[in-house]
PDB file of N, CA and C in Angstrom:
ATOM      1  N   UNK A   1     -45.846  -6.792  -7.558  1.00  0.00           N
ATOM      2  CA  UNK A   1     -44.482  -5.861  -7.242  1.00  0.00           C
ATOM      3  C   UNK A   1     -44.755  -4.552  -8.966  1.00  0.00           C
ATOM      4  N   UNK A   2     -44.287  -3.325  -8.261  1.00  0.00           N
ATOM      5  CA  UNK A   2     -44.797  -2.564  -9.600  1.00  0.00           C
ATOM      6  C   UNK A   2     -42.641  -3.711 -10.230  1.00  0.00           C
ATOM      7  N   UNK A   3     -43.248  -3.049 -12.020  1.00  0.00           N
ATOM      8  CA  UNK A   3     -41.585  -2.056 -11.947  1.00  0.00           C
ATOM      9  C   UNK A   3     -40.180  -1.903 -11.522  1.00  0.00           C
ATOM     10  N   UNK A   4     -39.033  -2.064 -11.566  1.00  0.00           N
ATOM     11  CA  UNK A   4     -37.970  -1.169 -10.923  1.00  0.00           C
ATOM     12  C   UNK A   4     -37.717  -0.838 -12.441  1.00  0.00           C
ATOM     13  N   UNK A   5     -37.547   0.494 -12.161  1.00  0.00           N
ATOM     14  CA  UNK A   5     -36.512   0.920 -13.463  1.00  0.00           C
ATOM     15  C   UNK A   5     -35.325   0.903 -13.569  1.00  0.00           C
ATOM     16  N   UNK A   6     -34.047   1.415 -13.925  1.00  0.00           N
ATOM     17  CA  UNK A   6     -33.056   0.643 -14.366  1.00  0.00           C
ATOM     18  C   UNK A   6     -32.677   2.555 -13.871  1.00  0.00           C
ATOM     19  N   UNK A   7     -33.254   3.339 -13.825  1.00  0.00           N
ATOM     20  CA  UNK A   7     -33.015   4.598 -12.691  1.00  0.00           C
ATOM     21  C   UNK A   7     -32.856   4.405 -11.598  1.00  0.00           C
ATOM     22  N   UNK A   8     -33.751   3.734 -11.122  1.00  0.00           N
ATOM     23  CA  UNK A   8     -33.539   3.184  -9.761  1.00  0.00           C
ATOM     24  C   UNK A   8     -32.867   2.521  -9.435  1.00  0.00           C
ATOM     25  N   UNK A   9     -32.687   1.245  -9.780  1.00  0.00           N
ATOM     26  CA  UNK A   9     -31.567   0.246 -10.002  1.00  0.00           C
ATOM     27  C   UNK A   9     -29.423   0.821  -9.781  1.00  0.00           C
ATOM     28  N   UNK A  10     -29.920   1.656 -10.837  1.00  0.00           N
ATOM     29  CA  UNK A  10     -28.702   2.423 -10.875  1.00  0.00           C
ATOM     30  C   UNK A  10     -27.920   3.347  -9.913  1.00  0.00           C
ATOM     31  N   UNK A  11     -29.363   3.369  -9.618  1.00  0.00           N
ATOM     32  CA  UNK A  11     -28.687   5.279  -7.392  1.00  0.00           C
ATOM     33  C   UNK A  11     -28.418   4.431  -6.393  1.00  0.00           C
ATOM     34  N   UNK A  12     -29.535   3.242  -7.177  1.00  0.00           N
ATOM     35  CA  UNK A  12     -28.970   2.290  -5.619  1.00  0.00           C
ATOM     36  C   UNK A  12     -27.586   1.674  -5.433  1.00  0.00           C
ATOM     37  N   UNK A  13     -27.495   1.068  -6.763  1.00  0.00           N
ATOM     38  CA  UNK A  13     -26.675   0.892  -6.815  1.00  0.00           C
ATOM     39  C   UNK A  13     -24.776   1.569  -6.155  1.00  0.00           C
ATOM     40  N   UNK A  14     -24.990   2.321  -7.206  1.00  0.00           N
ATOM     41  CA  UNK A  14     -24.113   3.703  -7.023  1.00  0.00           C
ATOM     42  C   UNK A  14     -23.617   4.064  -5.669  1.00  0.00           C
ATOM     43  N   UNK A  15     -24.988   4.610  -4.335  1.00  0.00           N
ATOM     44  CA  UNK A  15     -25.529   4.670  -3.587  1.00  0.00           C
ATOM     45  C   UNK A  15     -25.065   4.054  -2.703  1.00  0.00           C
ATOM     46  N   UNK A  16     -24.691   2.172  -2.876  1.00  0.00           N
ATOM     47  CA  UNK A  16     -23.724   1.201  -2.746  1.00  0.00           C
ATOM     48  C   UNK A  16     -22.104   1.617  -2.386  1.00  0.00           C
ATOM     49  N   UNK A  17     -22.175   1.768  -3.809  1.00  0.00           N
ATOM     50  CA  UNK A  17     -20.685   1.172  -3.885  1.00  0.00           C
ATOM     51  C   UNK A  17     -20.171   2.307  -3.384  1.00  0.00           C
ATOM     52  N   UNK A  18     -20.494   4.254  -3.064  1.00  0.00           N
ATOM     53  CA  UNK A  18     -20.126   4.910  -2.138  1.00  0.00           C
ATOM     54  C   UNK A  18     -19.535   5.113  -0.698  1.00  0.00           C
ATOM     55  N   UNK A  19     -20.784   4.121   0.324  1.00  0.00           N
ATOM     56  CA  UNK A  19     -20.998   3.886   1.736  1.00  0.00           C
ATOM     57  C   UNK A  19     -19.628   2.507   1.534  1.00  0.00           C
ATOM     58  N   UNK A  20     -18.469   3.504   2.532  1.00  0.00           N
ATOM     59  CA  UNK A  20     -17.577   2.864   3.316  1.00  0.00           C
ATOM     60  C   UNK A  20     -17.816   1.682   4.721  1.00  0.00           C
ATOM     61  N   UNK A  21     -19.172   3.185   5.455  1.00  0.00           N
ATOM     62  CA  UNK A  21     -19.550   2.142   6.798  1.00  0.00           C
ATOM     63  C   UNK A  21     -20.769   2.806   6.219  1.00  0.00           C
ATOM     64  N   UNK A  22     -21.159   3.205   6.882  1.00  0.00           N
ATOM     65  CA  UNK A  22     -23.418   3.850   7.304  1.00  0.00           C
ATOM     66  C   UNK A  22     -24.284   2.693   6.516  1.00  0.00           C
ATOM     67  N   UNK A  23     -25.300   3.662   6.254  1.00  0.00           N
ATOM     68  CA  UNK A  23     -26.647   2.663   5.896  1.00  0.00           C
ATOM     69  C   UNK A  23     -27.463   3.135   4.620  1.00  0.00           C
ATOM     70  N   UNK A  24     -28.012   2.546   3.870  1.00  0.00           N
ATOM     71  CA  UNK A  24     -29.196   3.146   2.831  1.00  0.00           C
ATOM     72  C   UNK A  24     -30.526   2.642   3.278  1.00  0.00           C
ATOM     73  N   UNK A  25     -31.170   3.688   3.514  1.00  0.00           N
ATOM     74  CA  UNK A  25     -32.722   3.809   3.749  1.00  0.00           C
ATOM     75  C   UNK A  25     -33.569   3.626   1.920  1.00  0.00           C
ATOM     76  N   UNK A  26     -33.917   2.709   1.195  1.00  0.00           N
ATOM     77  CA  UNK A  26     -35.393   2.930   0.587  1.00  0.00           C
ATOM     78  C   UNK A  26     -36.436   2.840   0.727  1.00  0.00           C
ATOM     79  N   UNK A  27     -37.278   3.794   0.350  1.00  0.00           N
ATOM     80  CA  UNK A  27     -39.272   4.029   0.784  1.00  0.00           C
ATOM     81  C   UNK A  27     -39.615   4.465  -0.397  1.00  0.00           C
ATOM     82  N   UNK A  28     -40.803   2.728  -0.244  1.00  0.00           N
ATOM     83  CA  UNK A  28     -41.064   2.819  -0.844  1.00  0.00           C
ATOM     84  C   UNK A  28     -42.725   3.536  -0.357  1.00  0.00           C
ATOM     85  N   UNK A  29     -43.494   3.572  -2.011  1.00  0.00           N
ATOM     86  CA  UNK A  29     -44.916   4.236  -1.688  1.00  0.00           C
ATOM     87  C   UNK A  29     -45.741   3.139  -2.264  1.00  0.00           C
ATOM     88  N   UNK A  30     -46.559   3.472  -1.693  1.00  0.00           N
ATOM     89  CA  UNK A  30     -47.927   2.371  -3.158  1.00  0.00           C
ATOM     90  C   UNK A  30     -46.726   1.220  -4.157  1.00  0.00           C
ATOM     91  N   UNK A  31     -45.846   0.396  -4.058  1.00  0.00           N
ATOM     92  CA  UNK A  31     -45.495  -0.650  -4.382  1.00  0.00           C
ATOM     93  C   UNK A  31     -44.280  -0.029  -5.081  1.00  0.00           C
ATOM     94  N   UNK A  32     -44.202   1.782  -4.664  1.00  0.00           N
ATOM     95  CA  UNK A  32     -43.091   2.407  -6.058  1.00  0.00           C
ATOM     96  C   UNK A  32     -41.849   3.017  -5.040  1.00  0.00           C
ATOM     97  N   UNK A  33     -40.396   2.425  -6.390  1.00  0.00           N
ATOM     98  CA  UNK A  33     -39.624   4.057  -5.085  1.00  0.00           C
ATOM     99  C   UNK A  33     -39.511   4.378  -5.026  1.00  0.00           C
ATOM    100  N   UNK A  34     -39.460   5.760  -3.801  1.00  0.00           N
ATOM    101  CA  UNK A  34     -39.971   6.880  -3.678  1.00  0.00           C
ATOM    102  C   UNK A  34     -38.807   8.070  -3.259  1.00  0.00           C
ATOM    103  N   UNK A  35     -37.906   7.755  -2.816  1.00  0.00           N
ATOM    104  CA  UNK A  35     -36.549   8.129  -2.195  1.00  0.00           C
ATOM    105  C   UNK A  35     -35.653   6.840  -1.718  1.00  0.00           C
ATOM    106  N   UNK A  36     -34.577   7.546  -1.582  1.00  0.00           N
ATOM    107  CA  UNK A  36     -32.982   7.038  -1.335  1.00  0.00           C
ATOM    108  C   UNK A  36     -32.582   7.611  -0.582  1.00  0.00           C
ATOM    109  N   UNK A  37     -32.277   7.116   1.207  1.00  0.00           N
ATOM    110  CA  UNK A  37     -31.493   7.899   2.012  1.00  0.00           C
ATOM    111  C   UNK A  37     -30.317   6.902   2.377  1.00  0.00           C
ATOM    112  N   UNK A  38     -29.601   7.718   2.337  1.00  0.00           N
ATOM    113  CA  UNK A  38     -27.442   7.200   2.613  1.00  0.00           C
ATOM    114  C   UNK A  38     -27.568   7.793   3.892  1.00  0.00           C
ATOM    115  N   UNK A  39     -27.200   7.779   5.072  1.00  0.00           N
ATOM    116  CA  UNK A  39     -25.833   7.837   6.103  1.00  0.00           C
ATOM    117  C   UNK A  39     -24.543   7.255   5.832  1.00  0.00           C
ATOM    118  N   UNK A  40     -24.171   7.799   5.455  1.00  0.00           N
ATOM    119  CA  UNK A  40     -22.735   8.260   5.945  1.00  0.00           C
ATOM    120  C   UNK A  40     -22.068   8.176   7.356  1.00  0.00           C
ATOM    121  N   UNK A  41     -20.640   6.599   7.933  1.00  0.00           N
ATOM    122  CA  UNK A  41     -20.358   7.114   8.950  1.00  0.00           C
ATOM    123  C   UNK A  41     -18.683   7.519   8.761  1.00  0.00           C
ATOM    124  N   UNK A  42     -18.464   8.341   9.513  1.00  0.00           N
ATOM    125  CA  UNK A  42     -16.619   7.826   9.235  1.00  0.00           C
ATOM    126  C   UNK A  42     -16.210   7.662  10.932  1.00  0.00           C
ATOM    127  N   UNK A  43     -15.371   7.601  10.535  1.00  0.00           N
ATOM    128  CA  UNK A  43     -14.488   6.306  11.705  1.00  0.00           C
ATOM    129  C   UNK A  43     -12.933   6.629  11.724  1.00  0.00           C
ATOM    130  N   UNK A  44     -13.194   6.941  13.215  1.00  0.00           N
ATOM    131  CA  UNK A  44     -11.368   7.347  13.224  1.00  0.00           C
ATOM    132  C   UNK A  44     -10.640   6.210  14.811  1.00  0.00           C
ATOM    133  N   UNK A  45      -9.864   5.957  13.866  1.00  0.00           N
ATOM    134  CA  UNK A  45      -9.306   5.205  15.185  1.00  0.00           C
ATOM    135  C   UNK A  45      -8.881   6.009  16.705  1.00  0.00           C
ATOM    136  N   UNK A  46      -9.265   5.162  17.296  1.00  0.00           N
ATOM    137  CA  UNK A  46      -9.206   5.828  18.894  1.00  0.00           C
ATOM    138  C   UNK A  46      -7.678   5.710  18.396  1.00  0.00           C
ATOM    139  N   UNK A  47      -6.240   6.853  18.994  1.00  0.00           N
ATOM    140  CA  UNK A  47      -5.392   7.479  20.027  1.00  0.00           C
ATOM    141  C   UNK A  47      -5.159   6.808  21.346  1.00  0.00           C
ATOM    142  N   UNK A  48      -4.365   5.716  21.237  1.00  0.00           N
ATOM    143  CA  UNK A  48      -4.264   5.391  22.635  1.00  0.00           C
ATOM    144  C   UNK A  48      -3.501   6.741  24.108  1.00  0.00           C
ATOM    145  N   UNK A  49      -3.754   6.357  25.216  1.00  0.00           N
ATOM    146  CA  UNK A  49      -3.600   7.109  25.676  1.00  0.00           C
ATOM    147  C   UNK A  49      -2.256   6.534  26.805  1.00  0.00           C
ATOM    148  N   UNK A  50      -1.206   6.725  26.939  1.00  0.00           N
ATOM    149  CA  UNK A  50      -0.581   6.007  27.752  1.00  0.00           C
ATOM    150  C   UNK A  50      -0.609   6.469  29.509  1.00  0.00           C
ATOM    151  N   UNK A  51      -0.711   5.823  30.122  1.00  0.00           N
ATOM    152  CA  UNK A  51      -0.798   5.436  31.217  1.00  0.00           C
ATOM    153  C   UNK A  51       0.870   6.178  31.482  1.00  0.00           C
ATOM    154  N   UNK A  52       0.076   6.799  32.701  1.00  0.00           N
ATOM    155  CA  UNK A  52       1.825   7.115  34.272  1.00  0.00           C
ATOM    156  C   UNK A  52       2.100   6.696  35.018  1.00  0.00           C
ATOM    157  N   UNK A  53       2.442   5.746  35.598  1.00  0.00           N
ATOM    158  CA  UNK A  53       3.097   4.590  36.087  1.00  0.00           C
ATOM    159  C   UNK A  53       3.953   4.859  37.448  1.00  0.00           C
ATOM    160  N   UNK A  54       3.329   5.307  38.855  1.00  0.00           N
ATOM    161  CA  UNK A  54       3.778   5.422  39.711  1.00  0.00           C
ATOM    162  C   UNK A  54       4.506   4.489  40.910  1.00  0.00           C
ATOM    163  N   UNK A  55       5.631   4.715  40.770  1.00  0.00           N
ATOM    164  CA  UNK A  55       6.106   3.404  41.439  1.00  0.00           C
ATOM    165  C   UNK A  55       6.268   3.651  43.532  1.00  0.00           C
ATOM    166  N   UNK A  56       5.997   2.536  43.831  1.00  0.00           N
ATOM    167  CA  UNK A  56       5.528   3.554  45.533  1.00  0.00           C
ATOM    168  C   UNK A  56       4.348   2.593  46.285  1.00  0.00           C
TER     169      UNK A  56
END
């Protein structure tokens, strides 16, 4: 296993700290980290729709 340099560790840590909802993918090529991808999701609460009740 190759040694992981501090820059890569810091970049991964920073990406993790910034994500509230989402994912982090680390691409490795020939035992070396070559890419970090983040996908962040924004979540919004659903607003309840009032149902009309009909008497009768």
